[in-house]
Amino acid sequence: MRPLAVLVVDDSPTVRAALIRELPDGQGLRVEQAENGEQALEACARAMPDVMFLDLAMPLLDGYGVLRRLGATQRRPKIVVVSTEVTDDGRASLISLGADEVVSKPWRAGEIERALRRIGAV
């Protein structure tokens, strides 16, 4: 069984590190990081991850732009948006743009792993 490839996209190194710490142990994960949407799209072009954790507010290309660009492709990762900018109306909009799951920052203990389970990644 190949390891689950995870891409963590956030402009804050602290947030990326915190999210990576929340990923489940023992799942054989391969984790890559990107600090903006452009790097995220480059990582997807290189080797499409299975799951992407995506912030919305980032320089160069924000999470909305990433969702729009990946939504137009046939093959894309499962996308979990992780952002402080999430409202109930915004959640529905993000799902329509192609997000598979939405988690609000700050997340609670276990919420990242539960999101992975809800999208069928683990």
N, C-alpha and C. Protein backbone atom coordinates (compact mmCIF):
# COMPACT_ATOMS: atom_id res chain seq x y z
N MET A 1 0.84 -1.18 0.00
CA MET A 1 0.00 0.00 0.00
C MET A 1 0.88 1.24 0.00
N ARG A 2 0.65 2.15 -0.95
CA ARG A 2 1.49 3.33 -1.01
C ARG A 2 1.05 4.34 0.05
N PRO A 3 1.99 5.17 0.52
CA PRO A 3 1.62 6.16 1.54
C PRO A 3 0.67 7.21 0.99
N LEU A 4 -0.17 7.73 1.84
CA LEU A 4 -1.09 8.80 1.49
C LEU A 4 -0.27 10.08 1.31
N ALA A 5 -0.38 10.71 0.14
CA ALA A 5 0.36 11.94 -0.15
C ALA A 5 -0.50 13.13 0.26
N VAL A 6 0.05 13.96 1.16
CA VAL A 6 -0.67 15.11 1.71
C VAL A 6 0.11 16.37 1.39
N LEU A 7 -0.59 17.39 0.90
CA LEU A 7 0.01 18.70 0.65
C LEU A 7 -0.65 19.69 1.60
N VAL A 8 0.17 20.37 2.41
CA VAL A 8 -0.31 21.36 3.37
C VAL A 8 0.05 22.74 2.82
N VAL A 9 -0.96 23.55 2.53
CA VAL A 9 -0.76 24.85 1.89
C VAL A 9 -1.23 25.97 2.82
N ASP A 10 -0.29 26.75 3.32
CA ASP A 10 -0.59 27.89 4.18
C ASP A 10 0.61 28.80 4.16
N ASP A 11 0.40 30.10 4.19
CA ASP A 11 1.53 31.03 4.15
C ASP A 11 2.25 31.12 5.49
N SER A 12 1.69 30.57 6.54
CA SER A 12 2.32 30.60 7.87
C SER A 12 3.03 29.28 8.16
N PRO A 13 4.37 29.33 8.33
CA PRO A 13 5.09 28.09 8.69
C PRO A 13 4.60 27.50 10.01
N THR A 14 4.17 28.35 10.93
CA THR A 14 3.67 27.88 12.23
C THR A 14 2.39 27.08 12.05
N VAL A 15 1.50 27.59 11.22
CA VAL A 15 0.23 26.88 10.98
C VAL A 15 0.49 25.58 10.24
N ARG A 16 1.38 25.61 9.24
CA ARG A 16 1.70 24.36 8.53
C ARG A 16 2.23 23.31 9.50
N ALA A 17 3.15 23.70 10.37
CA ALA A 17 3.72 22.76 11.34
C ALA A 17 2.64 22.22 12.29
N ALA A 18 1.77 23.10 12.75
CA ALA A 18 0.70 22.67 13.66
C ALA A 18 -0.24 21.69 12.97
N LEU A 19 -0.58 21.95 11.73
CA LEU A 19 -1.48 21.05 11.00
C LEU A 19 -0.81 19.70 10.78
N ILE A 20 0.45 19.71 10.41
CA ILE A 20 1.17 18.45 10.20
C ILE A 20 1.21 17.62 11.48
N ARG A 21 1.37 18.29 12.62
CA ARG A 21 1.35 17.56 13.92
C ARG A 21 0.01 16.90 14.18
N GLU A 22 -1.06 17.43 13.59
CA GLU A 22 -2.41 16.89 13.79
C GLU A 22 -2.71 15.70 12.89
N LEU A 23 -1.88 15.46 11.89
CA LEU A 23 -2.12 14.33 10.99
C LEU A 23 -1.96 13.02 11.75
N PRO A 24 -2.74 12.01 11.42
CA PRO A 24 -2.69 10.75 12.17
C PRO A 24 -1.35 10.03 12.02
N ASP A 25 -0.85 9.54 13.14
CA ASP A 25 0.38 8.73 13.14
C ASP A 25 0.07 7.35 12.58
N GLY A 26 1.08 6.72 12.05
CA GLY A 26 0.94 5.33 11.62
C GLY A 26 0.17 5.15 10.34
N GLN A 27 -0.08 6.22 9.59
CA GLN A 27 -0.85 6.10 8.36
C GLN A 27 0.05 6.04 7.12
N GLY A 28 1.37 6.05 7.30
CA GLY A 28 2.27 6.03 6.16
C GLY A 28 2.09 7.26 5.29
N LEU A 29 2.10 8.43 5.90
CA LEU A 29 1.87 9.67 5.17
C LEU A 29 3.15 10.19 4.52
N ARG A 30 3.00 10.77 3.35
CA ARG A 30 4.08 11.52 2.71
C ARG A 30 3.57 12.96 2.63
N VAL A 31 4.25 13.86 3.36
CA VAL A 31 3.75 15.23 3.49
C VAL A 31 4.67 16.20 2.76
N GLU A 32 4.05 17.07 1.97
CA GLU A 32 4.76 18.16 1.30
C GLU A 32 4.10 19.46 1.73
N GLN A 33 4.85 20.56 1.67
CA GLN A 33 4.33 21.85 2.09
C GLN A 33 4.45 22.87 0.97
N ALA A 34 3.53 23.84 0.97
CA ALA A 34 3.58 24.98 0.05
C ALA A 34 3.14 26.21 0.83
N GLU A 35 3.74 27.35 0.51
CA GLU A 35 3.40 28.57 1.26
C GLU A 35 2.48 29.51 0.50
N ASN A 36 2.08 29.14 -0.71
CA ASN A 36 1.11 29.95 -1.46
C ASN A 36 0.46 29.09 -2.53
N GLY A 37 -0.53 29.66 -3.17
CA GLY A 37 -1.28 28.91 -4.17
C GLY A 37 -0.47 28.52 -5.39
N GLU A 38 0.45 29.38 -5.81
CA GLU A 38 1.30 29.05 -6.96
C GLU A 38 2.14 27.80 -6.67
N GLN A 39 2.74 27.75 -5.48
CA GLN A 39 3.53 26.57 -5.10
C GLN A 39 2.64 25.33 -5.01
N ALA A 40 1.42 25.51 -4.55
CA ALA A 40 0.49 24.38 -4.45
C ALA A 40 0.19 23.80 -5.83
N LEU A 41 -0.07 24.67 -6.80
CA LEU A 41 -0.35 24.19 -8.15
C LEU A 41 0.87 23.53 -8.77
N GLU A 42 2.07 24.06 -8.48
CA GLU A 42 3.30 23.43 -8.97
C GLU A 42 3.46 22.04 -8.37
N ALA A 43 3.17 21.90 -7.08
CA ALA A 43 3.27 20.60 -6.41
C ALA A 43 2.26 19.61 -7.01
N CYS A 44 1.07 20.09 -7.35
CA CYS A 44 0.06 19.23 -7.97
C CYS A 44 0.49 18.80 -9.36
N ALA A 45 1.13 19.69 -10.09
CA ALA A 45 1.60 19.34 -11.44
C ALA A 45 2.73 18.32 -11.39
N ARG A 46 3.57 18.42 -10.36
CA ARG A 46 4.70 17.49 -10.20
C ARG A 46 4.23 16.09 -9.84
N ALA A 47 3.44 16.02 -8.81
CA ALA A 47 2.97 14.73 -8.30
C ALA A 47 1.69 14.99 -7.53
N MET A 48 0.56 14.75 -8.15
CA MET A 48 -0.73 15.07 -7.55
C MET A 48 -0.88 14.42 -6.18
N PRO A 49 -1.07 15.23 -5.13
CA PRO A 49 -1.28 14.64 -3.80
C PRO A 49 -2.67 14.00 -3.73
N ASP A 50 -2.84 13.14 -2.75
CA ASP A 50 -4.15 12.54 -2.52
C ASP A 50 -5.08 13.54 -1.82
N VAL A 51 -4.49 14.32 -0.89
CA VAL A 51 -5.24 15.28 -0.08
C VAL A 51 -4.47 16.58 0.00
N MET A 52 -5.20 17.69 -0.10
CA MET A 52 -4.60 19.01 0.09
C MET A 52 -5.35 19.72 1.21
N PHE A 53 -4.61 20.23 2.19
CA PHE A 53 -5.16 21.12 3.20
C PHE A 53 -4.83 22.52 2.71
N LEU A 54 -5.85 23.35 2.51
CA LEU A 54 -5.69 24.61 1.79
C LEU A 54 -6.21 25.80 2.59
N ASP A 55 -5.33 26.76 2.84
CA ASP A 55 -5.73 28.03 3.44
C ASP A 55 -6.34 28.90 2.34
N LEU A 56 -7.14 29.88 2.72
CA LEU A 56 -7.75 30.77 1.72
C LEU A 56 -6.94 32.05 1.51
N ALA A 57 -6.49 32.68 2.59
CA ALA A 57 -5.81 33.97 2.50
C ALA A 57 -4.30 33.75 2.40
N MET A 58 -3.77 33.89 1.18
CA MET A 58 -2.34 33.71 0.94
C MET A 58 -1.89 34.67 -0.15
N PRO A 59 -0.61 35.00 -0.18
CA PRO A 59 -0.09 35.87 -1.24
C PRO A 59 0.03 35.11 -2.57
N LEU A 60 0.21 35.84 -3.63
CA LEU A 60 0.41 35.36 -5.00
C LEU A 60 -0.85 34.77 -5.59
N LEU A 61 -1.34 33.70 -5.02
CA LEU A 61 -2.59 33.08 -5.46
C LEU A 61 -3.27 32.54 -4.22
N ASP A 62 -4.48 33.03 -3.95
CA ASP A 62 -5.17 32.59 -2.74
C ASP A 62 -5.85 31.23 -2.94
N GLY A 63 -6.43 30.74 -1.87
CA GLY A 63 -7.08 29.43 -1.91
C GLY A 63 -8.25 29.37 -2.87
N TYR A 64 -8.97 30.49 -3.01
CA TYR A 64 -10.08 30.52 -3.97
C TYR A 64 -9.56 30.28 -5.40
N GLY A 65 -8.44 30.92 -5.72
CA GLY A 65 -7.84 30.74 -7.04
C GLY A 65 -7.40 29.30 -7.27
N VAL A 66 -6.85 28.69 -6.23
CA VAL A 66 -6.43 27.29 -6.33
C VAL A 66 -7.66 26.41 -6.59
N LEU A 67 -8.73 26.63 -5.83
CA LEU A 67 -9.95 25.85 -6.04
C LEU A 67 -10.48 26.01 -7.46
N ARG A 68 -10.49 27.25 -7.96
CA ARG A 68 -11.00 27.48 -9.33
C ARG A 68 -10.13 26.76 -10.36
N ARG A 69 -8.82 26.85 -10.20
CA ARG A 69 -7.94 26.23 -11.19
C ARG A 69 -8.00 24.71 -11.13
N LEU A 70 -8.03 24.15 -9.93
CA LEU A 70 -8.08 22.69 -9.82
C LEU A 70 -9.46 22.16 -10.18
N GLY A 71 -10.49 22.96 -9.96
CA GLY A 71 -11.85 22.53 -10.30
C GLY A 71 -12.03 22.28 -11.78
N ALA A 72 -11.18 22.91 -12.57
CA ALA A 72 -11.27 22.75 -14.03
C ALA A 72 -10.49 21.54 -14.54
N THR A 73 -9.81 20.84 -13.64
CA THR A 73 -9.01 19.70 -14.06
C THR A 73 -9.75 18.39 -13.78
N GLN A 74 -9.44 17.38 -14.55
CA GLN A 74 -10.07 16.07 -14.36
C GLN A 74 -9.60 15.39 -13.09
N ARG A 75 -8.31 15.44 -12.86
CA ARG A 75 -7.73 14.75 -11.70
C ARG A 75 -7.29 15.81 -10.70
N ARG A 76 -7.81 15.72 -9.50
CA ARG A 76 -7.42 16.66 -8.47
C ARG A 76 -7.45 15.96 -7.12
N PRO A 77 -6.73 16.54 -6.14
CA PRO A 77 -6.75 15.92 -4.82
C PRO A 77 -8.07 16.20 -4.11
N LYS A 78 -8.33 15.44 -3.07
CA LYS A 78 -9.40 15.80 -2.13
C LYS A 78 -8.91 17.07 -1.45
N ILE A 79 -9.78 18.05 -1.28
CA ILE A 79 -9.35 19.34 -0.74
C ILE A 79 -10.11 19.65 0.54
N VAL A 80 -9.33 19.89 1.61
CA VAL A 80 -9.87 20.32 2.88
C VAL A 80 -9.44 21.77 3.07
N VAL A 81 -10.38 22.70 3.02
CA VAL A 81 -10.07 24.10 3.27
C VAL A 81 -9.97 24.29 4.77
N VAL A 82 -8.89 24.95 5.21
CA VAL A 82 -8.66 25.23 6.62
C VAL A 82 -8.42 26.73 6.71
N SER A 83 -9.40 27.47 7.25
CA SER A 83 -9.31 28.92 7.21
C SER A 83 -10.09 29.58 8.32
N THR A 84 -9.67 30.79 8.66
CA THR A 84 -10.43 31.61 9.62
C THR A 84 -11.60 32.29 8.94
N GLU A 85 -11.62 32.31 7.62
CA GLU A 85 -12.62 33.05 6.85
C GLU A 85 -13.86 32.24 6.53
N VAL A 86 -14.21 31.27 7.34
CA VAL A 86 -15.31 30.37 7.00
C VAL A 86 -16.59 30.74 7.78
N THR A 87 -17.66 31.02 7.03
CA THR A 87 -18.99 31.21 7.59
C THR A 87 -19.87 30.08 7.05
N ASP A 88 -21.09 30.00 7.52
CA ASP A 88 -22.00 28.96 7.01
C ASP A 88 -22.25 29.15 5.52
N ASP A 89 -22.51 30.40 5.10
CA ASP A 89 -22.70 30.67 3.67
C ASP A 89 -21.42 30.40 2.90
N GLY A 90 -20.29 30.79 3.50
CA GLY A 90 -18.99 30.57 2.84
C GLY A 90 -18.68 29.09 2.67
N ARG A 91 -19.08 28.28 3.62
CA ARG A 91 -18.87 26.83 3.55
C ARG A 91 -19.55 26.25 2.32
N ALA A 92 -20.79 26.63 2.08
CA ALA A 92 -21.52 26.14 0.92
C ALA A 92 -20.85 26.62 -0.37
N SER A 93 -20.38 27.85 -0.38
CA SER A 93 -19.69 28.39 -1.55
C SER A 93 -18.39 27.63 -1.83
N LEU A 94 -17.65 27.33 -0.77
CA LEU A 94 -16.38 26.59 -0.93
C LEU A 94 -16.63 25.18 -1.46
N ILE A 95 -17.68 24.54 -0.98
CA ILE A 95 -18.02 23.20 -1.47
C ILE A 95 -18.38 23.28 -2.96
N SER A 96 -19.12 24.31 -3.35
CA SER A 96 -19.49 24.44 -4.77
C SER A 96 -18.26 24.74 -5.64
N LEU A 97 -17.23 25.35 -5.06
CA LEU A 97 -15.99 25.62 -5.80
C LEU A 97 -15.10 24.38 -5.90
N GLY A 98 -15.40 23.34 -5.11
CA GLY A 98 -14.62 22.11 -5.22
C GLY A 98 -13.99 21.61 -3.94
N ALA A 99 -14.19 22.33 -2.83
CA ALA A 99 -13.69 21.83 -1.55
C ALA A 99 -14.49 20.59 -1.15
N ASP A 100 -13.81 19.60 -0.60
CA ASP A 100 -14.48 18.39 -0.15
C ASP A 100 -14.88 18.48 1.32
N GLU A 101 -14.19 19.32 2.06
CA GLU A 101 -14.43 19.49 3.50
C GLU A 101 -13.92 20.86 3.89
N VAL A 102 -14.48 21.44 4.95
CA VAL A 102 -14.06 22.75 5.43
C VAL A 102 -13.87 22.67 6.94
N VAL A 103 -12.72 23.16 7.40
CA VAL A 103 -12.39 23.18 8.83
C VAL A 103 -12.03 24.62 9.18
N SER A 104 -12.63 25.13 10.25
CA SER A 104 -12.34 26.49 10.70
C SER A 104 -11.09 26.53 11.56
N LYS A 105 -10.30 27.59 11.39
CA LYS A 105 -9.17 27.86 12.28
C LYS A 105 -9.70 28.71 13.43
N PRO A 106 -9.25 28.52 14.63
CA PRO A 106 -8.39 27.41 15.03
C PRO A 106 -9.21 26.13 15.15
N TRP A 107 -8.61 25.04 14.71
CA TRP A 107 -9.31 23.76 14.78
C TRP A 107 -9.16 23.16 16.17
N ARG A 108 -10.05 22.25 16.49
CA ARG A 108 -10.00 21.56 17.78
C ARG A 108 -9.23 20.24 17.64
N ALA A 109 -8.76 19.74 18.75
CA ALA A 109 -8.02 18.47 18.75
C ALA A 109 -8.84 17.40 18.05
N GLY A 110 -8.20 16.67 17.15
CA GLY A 110 -8.84 15.57 16.44
C GLY A 110 -9.63 15.99 15.21
N GLU A 111 -9.84 17.29 15.01
CA GLU A 111 -10.68 17.74 13.90
C GLU A 111 -10.04 17.49 12.53
N ILE A 112 -8.73 17.57 12.44
CA ILE A 112 -8.04 17.33 11.17
C ILE A 112 -8.18 15.85 10.79
N GLU A 113 -7.98 14.97 11.74
CA GLU A 113 -8.14 13.54 11.45
C GLU A 113 -9.59 13.20 11.11
N ARG A 114 -10.54 13.83 11.79
CA ARG A 114 -11.96 13.59 11.46
C ARG A 114 -12.27 14.05 10.04
N ALA A 115 -11.67 15.16 9.61
CA ALA A 115 -11.89 15.66 8.24
C ALA A 115 -11.35 14.64 7.25
N LEU A 116 -10.19 14.06 7.53
CA LEU A 116 -9.63 13.03 6.65
C LEU A 116 -10.55 11.82 6.56
N ARG A 117 -11.15 11.46 7.66
CA ARG A 117 -12.09 10.32 7.67
C ARG A 117 -13.36 10.65 6.87
N ARG A 118 -13.86 11.87 7.04
CA ARG A 118 -15.10 12.26 6.33
C ARG A 118 -14.91 12.25 4.82
N ILE A 119 -13.72 12.56 4.34
CA ILE A 119 -13.50 12.55 2.87
C ILE A 119 -12.99 11.19 2.39
N GLY A 120 -12.88 10.24 3.31
CA GLY A 120 -12.48 8.88 2.93
C GLY A 120 -11.01 8.71 2.65
N ALA A 121 -10.17 9.59 3.21
CA ALA A 121 -8.73 9.51 2.95
C ALA A 121 -8.02 8.54 3.89
N VAL A 122 -8.57 8.32 5.06
CA VAL A 122 -7.97 7.35 6.01
C VAL A 122 -9.06 6.45 6.56
